[in-house]
Amino acid sequence: MASQKALNPPKGECRQCWYHAYASREAHKHLGPREACPACVDHMVNGHPNHMIAR
């Protein structure tokens, strides 16, 4: 189970990035060793969608 910190990003932070940073093992458990997370790569390349930014 993700921690409260992982589930409650501060205003202005991307909810997905915050979750992946603070609940990394949970968020990335489906990946193999050294496999890049497609969701993380998408955010690094394309930026953060407005609907995912904590208000």
Protein backbone atom coordinates (compact mmCIF):
# COMPACT_ATOMS: atom_id res chain seq x y z
CA MET A 1 0.00 0.00 0.00
CA ALA A 2 1.32 3.42 -0.96
CA SER A 3 2.17 5.89 1.77
CA GLN A 4 0.09 9.00 2.46
CA LYS A 5 2.96 11.08 1.08
CA ALA A 6 2.82 9.19 -2.24
CA LEU A 7 -0.93 9.72 -2.51
CA ASN A 8 -1.00 13.42 -1.60
CA PRO A 9 1.22 15.54 -3.85
CA PRO A 10 1.63 19.22 -2.98
CA LYS A 11 0.00 21.85 -5.16
CA GLY A 12 1.71 22.28 -8.51
CA GLU A 13 3.18 18.75 -8.64
CA CYS A 14 2.19 16.07 -11.13
CA ARG A 15 0.19 13.35 -9.35
CA GLN A 16 1.68 10.55 -11.45
CA CYS A 17 5.28 11.69 -11.07
CA TRP A 18 4.81 12.21 -7.33
CA TYR A 19 3.31 8.72 -6.93
CA HIS A 20 6.02 7.10 -9.03
CA ALA A 21 8.71 8.87 -6.98
CA TYR A 22 7.32 8.07 -3.52
CA ALA A 23 5.78 4.65 -4.22
CA SER A 24 8.34 3.57 -6.77
CA ARG A 25 8.30 -0.14 -5.97
CA GLU A 26 4.51 -0.29 -6.24
CA ALA A 27 4.33 1.88 -9.35
CA HIS A 28 7.04 -0.04 -11.16
CA LYS A 29 6.48 -3.61 -9.93
CA HIS A 30 5.20 -4.68 -13.36
CA LEU A 31 8.54 -3.81 -14.98
CA GLY A 32 11.53 -6.04 -15.39
CA PRO A 33 15.02 -5.14 -14.20
CA ARG A 34 16.44 -2.14 -16.05
CA GLU A 35 13.16 -1.67 -17.94
CA ALA A 36 12.04 1.94 -18.31
CA CYS A 37 8.55 2.85 -17.14
CA PRO A 38 6.53 3.94 -20.21
CA ALA A 39 4.45 6.39 -18.15
CA CYS A 40 7.56 8.05 -16.70
CA VAL A 41 9.24 8.25 -20.10
CA ASP A 42 6.08 9.79 -21.60
CA HIS A 43 6.10 12.52 -18.94
CA MET A 44 9.80 13.21 -19.47
CA VAL A 45 9.33 13.55 -23.23
CA ASN A 46 5.89 15.16 -23.49
CA GLY A 47 5.53 16.99 -20.19
CA HIS A 48 2.79 16.77 -17.60
CA PRO A 49 -0.88 16.91 -18.65
CA ASN A 50 -2.80 19.71 -16.94
CA HIS A 51 -5.36 17.34 -15.45
CA MET A 52 -2.61 15.55 -13.50
CA ILE A 53 -1.28 18.64 -11.73
CA ALA A 54 -2.42 18.90 -8.11
CA ARG A 55 -4.44 22.03 -7.45
